[in-house]
């Protein structure tokens, strides 16, 4: 599982967090100078890029179950990356070249 976000985190569902979707907040946000909006948007990623709390709990439980008794989860979760290139290898596989967004590598 690859994600451009810096973490796998639950989506914000609290009453206060959901205030960001009210008409009052929308009017407030759009009345801000563009530079202020540009600064706010990246910090609000959990409002629209987070994972449903039940889903993230189920993923955790499944990975934990797979590691019991010395097992290996056979899954990789990689936050903070984006795909630079992708191509077919040997006709049946896809090879991805990733870049870590903070390290640039």
N, C-alpha and C. Protein backbone atom coordinates (compact mmCIF):
# COMPACT_ATOMS: atom_id res chain seq x y z
N UNK A 1 0.86 -1.15 0.00
CA UNK A 1 0.00 0.00 0.00
C UNK A 1 0.91 1.22 0.00
N UNK A 2 0.78 2.04 -1.01
CA UNK A 2 1.58 3.25 -1.13
C UNK A 2 0.68 4.46 -0.90
N UNK A 3 1.23 5.48 -0.25
CA UNK A 3 0.45 6.70 -0.02
C UNK A 3 1.37 7.91 -0.09
N UNK A 4 0.88 8.97 -0.68
CA UNK A 4 1.64 10.22 -0.71
C UNK A 4 1.57 10.94 0.63
N UNK A 5 0.52 10.70 1.41
CA UNK A 5 0.42 11.34 2.72
C UNK A 5 1.56 10.84 3.61
N UNK A 6 1.93 11.65 4.60
CA UNK A 6 3.08 11.34 5.44
C UNK A 6 2.80 10.25 6.47
N UNK A 7 1.55 9.87 6.63
CA UNK A 7 1.20 8.85 7.63
C UNK A 7 -0.10 8.17 7.22
N UNK A 8 -0.30 6.97 7.75
CA UNK A 8 -1.60 6.32 7.64
C UNK A 8 -2.35 6.70 8.91
N UNK A 9 -3.34 7.53 8.76
CA UNK A 9 -4.05 8.06 9.93
C UNK A 9 -5.55 8.02 9.67
N UNK A 10 -6.33 7.96 10.75
CA UNK A 10 -7.78 7.93 10.56
C UNK A 10 -8.31 9.27 10.06
N UNK A 11 -9.38 9.19 9.32
CA UNK A 11 -10.05 10.39 8.85
C UNK A 11 -10.67 11.11 10.05
N UNK A 12 -10.71 12.41 9.98
CA UNK A 12 -11.28 13.23 11.05
C UNK A 12 -12.79 13.19 10.97
N UNK A 13 -13.41 12.58 11.98
CA UNK A 13 -14.87 12.49 12.03
C UNK A 13 -15.47 13.19 13.25
N UNK A 14 -14.63 13.86 14.04
CA UNK A 14 -15.17 14.50 15.24
C UNK A 14 -16.09 15.66 14.86
N UNK A 15 -16.97 16.02 15.76
CA UNK A 15 -17.90 17.12 15.48
C UNK A 15 -17.14 18.40 15.16
N UNK A 16 -16.08 18.67 15.91
CA UNK A 16 -15.31 19.88 15.66
C UNK A 16 -14.59 19.81 14.31
N UNK A 17 -14.04 18.65 13.99
CA UNK A 17 -13.38 18.49 12.70
C UNK A 17 -14.34 18.65 11.54
N UNK A 18 -15.56 18.17 11.71
CA UNK A 18 -16.55 18.26 10.64
C UNK A 18 -17.05 19.69 10.42
N UNK A 19 -16.73 20.60 11.33
CA UNK A 19 -17.07 22.01 11.14
C UNK A 19 -16.45 22.57 9.86
N UNK A 20 -15.38 21.94 9.40
CA UNK A 20 -14.72 22.39 8.17
C UNK A 20 -15.62 22.23 6.94
N UNK A 21 -16.68 21.48 7.06
CA UNK A 21 -17.56 21.23 5.92
C UNK A 21 -18.84 22.04 5.99
N UNK A 22 -18.94 22.94 6.94
CA UNK A 22 -20.15 23.77 7.05
C UNK A 22 -20.07 24.95 6.10
N UNK A 23 -21.21 25.49 5.71
CA UNK A 23 -21.21 26.69 4.85
C UNK A 23 -20.46 27.87 5.50
N UNK A 24 -20.58 28.02 6.83
CA UNK A 24 -19.87 29.12 7.50
C UNK A 24 -18.36 29.00 7.32
N UNK A 25 -17.82 27.79 7.53
CA UNK A 25 -16.38 27.63 7.37
C UNK A 25 -15.98 27.81 5.91
N UNK A 26 -16.77 27.30 5.00
CA UNK A 26 -16.46 27.46 3.58
C UNK A 26 -16.38 28.94 3.20
N UNK A 27 -17.32 29.74 3.69
CA UNK A 27 -17.28 31.18 3.42
C UNK A 27 -16.03 31.81 4.03
N UNK A 28 -15.74 31.43 5.28
CA UNK A 28 -14.55 31.94 5.96
C UNK A 28 -13.29 31.59 5.17
N UNK A 29 -13.17 30.31 4.81
CA UNK A 29 -11.98 29.83 4.12
C UNK A 29 -11.78 30.56 2.79
N UNK A 30 -12.83 30.67 2.02
CA UNK A 30 -12.71 31.30 0.70
C UNK A 30 -12.52 32.81 0.78
N UNK A 31 -12.80 33.41 1.93
CA UNK A 31 -12.55 34.84 2.11
C UNK A 31 -11.10 35.12 2.52
N UNK A 32 -10.37 34.08 2.90
CA UNK A 32 -8.97 34.25 3.28
C UNK A 32 -8.13 34.60 2.06
N UNK A 33 -7.01 35.28 2.26
CA UNK A 33 -6.10 35.51 1.13
C UNK A 33 -5.61 34.17 0.58
N UNK A 34 -5.31 34.14 -0.69
CA UNK A 34 -4.88 32.90 -1.33
C UNK A 34 -3.68 32.29 -0.63
N UNK A 35 -2.74 33.11 -0.19
CA UNK A 35 -1.55 32.58 0.49
C UNK A 35 -1.93 31.85 1.79
N UNK A 36 -2.91 32.37 2.51
CA UNK A 36 -3.37 31.70 3.74
C UNK A 36 -4.05 30.38 3.42
N UNK A 37 -4.87 30.35 2.37
CA UNK A 37 -5.53 29.10 1.97
C UNK A 37 -4.49 28.07 1.55
N UNK A 38 -3.50 28.52 0.78
CA UNK A 38 -2.44 27.61 0.33
C UNK A 38 -1.68 27.01 1.50
N UNK A 39 -1.54 27.76 2.57
CA UNK A 39 -0.84 27.27 3.75
C UNK A 39 -1.71 26.30 4.55
N UNK A 40 -3.01 26.53 4.59
CA UNK A 40 -3.91 25.69 5.37
C UNK A 40 -4.18 24.33 4.75
N UNK A 41 -4.34 24.28 3.45
CA UNK A 41 -4.78 23.05 2.79
C UNK A 41 -3.90 21.84 3.12
N UNK A 42 -2.57 21.93 3.03
CA UNK A 42 -1.77 20.74 3.34
C UNK A 42 -1.91 20.25 4.78
N UNK A 43 -2.25 21.13 5.68
CA UNK A 43 -2.40 20.74 7.09
C UNK A 43 -3.76 20.12 7.37
N UNK A 44 -4.66 20.17 6.43
CA UNK A 44 -6.01 19.64 6.63
C UNK A 44 -6.22 18.30 5.92
N UNK A 45 -5.14 17.60 5.63
CA UNK A 45 -5.25 16.38 4.82
C UNK A 45 -6.10 15.30 5.47
N UNK A 46 -6.14 15.22 6.79
CA UNK A 46 -6.93 14.16 7.43
C UNK A 46 -8.42 14.36 7.24
N UNK A 47 -8.82 15.54 6.80
CA UNK A 47 -10.24 15.78 6.55
C UNK A 47 -10.69 15.07 5.28
N UNK A 48 -9.77 14.83 4.35
CA UNK A 48 -10.19 14.23 3.08
C UNK A 48 -9.30 13.09 2.62
N UNK A 49 -8.15 12.86 3.25
CA UNK A 49 -7.26 11.78 2.82
C UNK A 49 -7.04 10.73 3.90
N UNK A 50 -7.71 10.87 5.01
CA UNK A 50 -7.56 9.90 6.09
C UNK A 50 -8.27 8.60 5.75
N UNK A 51 -8.04 7.60 6.58
CA UNK A 51 -8.63 6.28 6.40
C UNK A 51 -9.78 6.13 7.38
N UNK A 52 -10.86 5.53 6.94
CA UNK A 52 -11.99 5.24 7.82
C UNK A 52 -11.46 4.48 9.04
N UNK A 53 -11.89 4.88 10.24
CA UNK A 53 -11.38 4.30 11.48
C UNK A 53 -11.58 2.78 11.55
N UNK A 54 -12.73 2.28 11.10
CA UNK A 54 -12.97 0.84 11.11
C UNK A 54 -12.03 0.12 10.15
N UNK A 55 -11.77 0.74 9.00
CA UNK A 55 -10.87 0.13 8.01
C UNK A 55 -9.45 0.06 8.54
N UNK A 56 -8.96 1.15 9.11
CA UNK A 56 -7.58 1.14 9.61
C UNK A 56 -7.44 0.17 10.78
N UNK A 57 -8.48 0.03 11.60
CA UNK A 57 -8.45 -0.95 12.70
C UNK A 57 -8.43 -2.37 12.15
N UNK A 58 -9.21 -2.63 11.11
CA UNK A 58 -9.24 -3.97 10.50
C UNK A 58 -7.90 -4.32 9.86
N UNK A 59 -7.26 -3.35 9.22
CA UNK A 59 -5.94 -3.58 8.63
C UNK A 59 -4.94 -3.91 9.73
N UNK A 60 -4.94 -3.14 10.79
CA UNK A 60 -4.03 -3.40 11.91
C UNK A 60 -4.25 -4.80 12.47
N UNK A 61 -5.51 -5.15 12.71
CA UNK A 61 -5.82 -6.46 13.28
C UNK A 61 -5.36 -7.59 12.36
N UNK A 62 -5.56 -7.43 11.06
CA UNK A 62 -5.14 -8.47 10.11
C UNK A 62 -3.63 -8.60 10.08
N UNK A 63 -2.91 -7.49 10.05
CA UNK A 63 -1.45 -7.56 10.05
C UNK A 63 -0.94 -8.17 11.35
N UNK A 64 -1.56 -7.83 12.46
CA UNK A 64 -1.18 -8.42 13.75
C UNK A 64 -1.43 -9.93 13.73
N UNK A 65 -2.60 -10.34 13.24
CA UNK A 65 -2.94 -11.77 13.19
C UNK A 65 -1.90 -12.53 12.37
N UNK A 66 -1.45 -11.93 11.27
CA UNK A 66 -0.48 -12.60 10.40
C UNK A 66 0.88 -12.76 11.07
N UNK A 67 1.20 -11.91 12.04
CA UNK A 67 2.52 -12.00 12.68
C UNK A 67 2.54 -12.88 13.92
N UNK A 68 1.38 -13.35 14.33
CA UNK A 68 1.36 -14.24 15.49
C UNK A 68 2.16 -15.50 15.20
N UNK A 69 2.79 -16.02 16.23
CA UNK A 69 3.57 -17.26 16.12
C UNK A 69 4.72 -17.11 15.13
N UNK A 70 5.30 -15.90 15.05
CA UNK A 70 6.48 -15.68 14.22
C UNK A 70 6.21 -15.51 12.75
N UNK A 71 4.96 -15.34 12.37
CA UNK A 71 4.63 -15.16 10.95
C UNK A 71 5.07 -13.81 10.42
N UNK A 72 4.98 -13.67 9.13
CA UNK A 72 5.33 -12.43 8.44
C UNK A 72 4.06 -11.88 7.80
N UNK A 73 3.80 -10.58 7.89
CA UNK A 73 2.52 -10.06 7.39
C UNK A 73 2.35 -10.13 5.88
N UNK A 74 3.45 -10.28 5.13
CA UNK A 74 3.38 -10.35 3.66
C UNK A 74 2.63 -9.15 3.08
N UNK A 75 2.90 -7.99 3.66
CA UNK A 75 2.30 -6.74 3.18
C UNK A 75 3.26 -5.61 3.53
N UNK A 76 3.28 -4.60 2.69
CA UNK A 76 4.12 -3.44 2.93
C UNK A 76 3.27 -2.19 2.86
N UNK A 77 3.32 -1.39 3.90
CA UNK A 77 2.62 -0.11 3.93
C UNK A 77 3.69 0.98 3.89
N UNK A 78 3.64 1.82 2.88
CA UNK A 78 4.69 2.81 2.67
C UNK A 78 4.08 4.20 2.51
N UNK A 79 4.07 5.00 3.57
CA UNK A 79 3.57 6.37 3.44
C UNK A 79 4.67 7.30 2.95
N UNK A 80 4.28 8.46 2.47
CA UNK A 80 5.24 9.50 2.10
C UNK A 80 6.00 9.24 0.81
N UNK A 81 5.39 8.52 -0.13
CA UNK A 81 6.05 8.25 -1.41
C UNK A 81 5.11 8.57 -2.57
N UNK A 82 5.72 8.81 -3.72
CA UNK A 82 4.91 8.90 -4.94
C UNK A 82 5.60 8.10 -6.03
N UNK A 83 4.81 7.64 -6.98
CA UNK A 83 5.32 6.82 -8.08
C UNK A 83 5.93 7.74 -9.13
N UNK A 84 7.21 7.54 -9.41
CA UNK A 84 7.88 8.32 -10.46
C UNK A 84 7.65 7.70 -11.83
N UNK A 85 7.84 6.39 -11.91
CA UNK A 85 7.61 5.68 -13.17
C UNK A 85 7.05 4.30 -12.85
N UNK A 86 6.40 3.73 -13.84
CA UNK A 86 5.88 2.36 -13.73
C UNK A 86 6.00 1.72 -15.10
N UNK A 87 6.36 0.45 -15.11
CA UNK A 87 6.47 -0.25 -16.39
C UNK A 87 6.34 -1.75 -16.22
N UNK A 88 5.96 -2.41 -17.30
CA UNK A 88 5.82 -3.87 -17.28
C UNK A 88 7.20 -4.52 -17.32
N UNK A 89 7.31 -5.60 -16.56
CA UNK A 89 8.53 -6.39 -16.52
C UNK A 89 8.13 -7.83 -16.80
N UNK A 90 8.75 -8.44 -17.77
CA UNK A 90 8.49 -9.84 -18.13
C UNK A 90 7.02 -10.09 -18.46
N UNK A 91 6.31 -9.08 -18.89
CA UNK A 91 4.95 -9.24 -19.37
C UNK A 91 3.87 -9.42 -18.33
N UNK A 92 4.23 -9.89 -17.13
CA UNK A 92 3.19 -10.16 -16.14
C UNK A 92 3.33 -9.34 -14.86
N UNK A 93 4.46 -8.71 -14.69
CA UNK A 93 4.69 -7.93 -13.47
C UNK A 93 4.78 -6.45 -13.81
N UNK A 94 4.55 -5.63 -12.80
CA UNK A 94 4.71 -4.18 -12.95
C UNK A 94 5.79 -3.74 -11.97
N UNK A 95 6.75 -2.98 -12.46
CA UNK A 95 7.81 -2.45 -11.61
C UNK A 95 7.56 -0.97 -11.39
N UNK A 96 7.57 -0.57 -10.13
CA UNK A 96 7.36 0.83 -9.76
C UNK A 96 8.67 1.44 -9.29
N UNK A 97 8.90 2.67 -9.67
CA UNK A 97 10.02 3.44 -9.15
C UNK A 97 9.42 4.55 -8.31
N UNK A 98 9.76 4.55 -7.02
CA UNK A 98 9.15 5.46 -6.06
C UNK A 98 10.13 6.55 -5.65
N UNK A 99 9.57 7.65 -5.18
CA UNK A 99 10.38 8.71 -4.59
C UNK A 99 9.78 9.06 -3.23
N UNK A 100 10.64 9.10 -2.23
CA UNK A 100 10.21 9.50 -0.89
C UNK A 100 10.07 11.01 -0.90
N UNK A 101 8.90 11.51 -0.55
CA UNK A 101 8.62 12.94 -0.73
C UNK A 101 9.46 13.83 0.18
N UNK A 102 9.81 13.38 1.36
CA UNK A 102 10.62 14.22 2.25
C UNK A 102 12.11 14.10 1.96
N UNK A 103 12.56 12.92 1.58
CA UNK A 103 13.99 12.71 1.35
C UNK A 103 14.40 12.99 -0.09
N UNK A 104 13.43 12.97 -1.01
CA UNK A 104 13.76 13.18 -2.41
C UNK A 104 14.54 12.03 -3.02
N UNK A 105 14.43 10.84 -2.42
CA UNK A 105 15.17 9.68 -2.93
C UNK A 105 14.22 8.56 -3.32
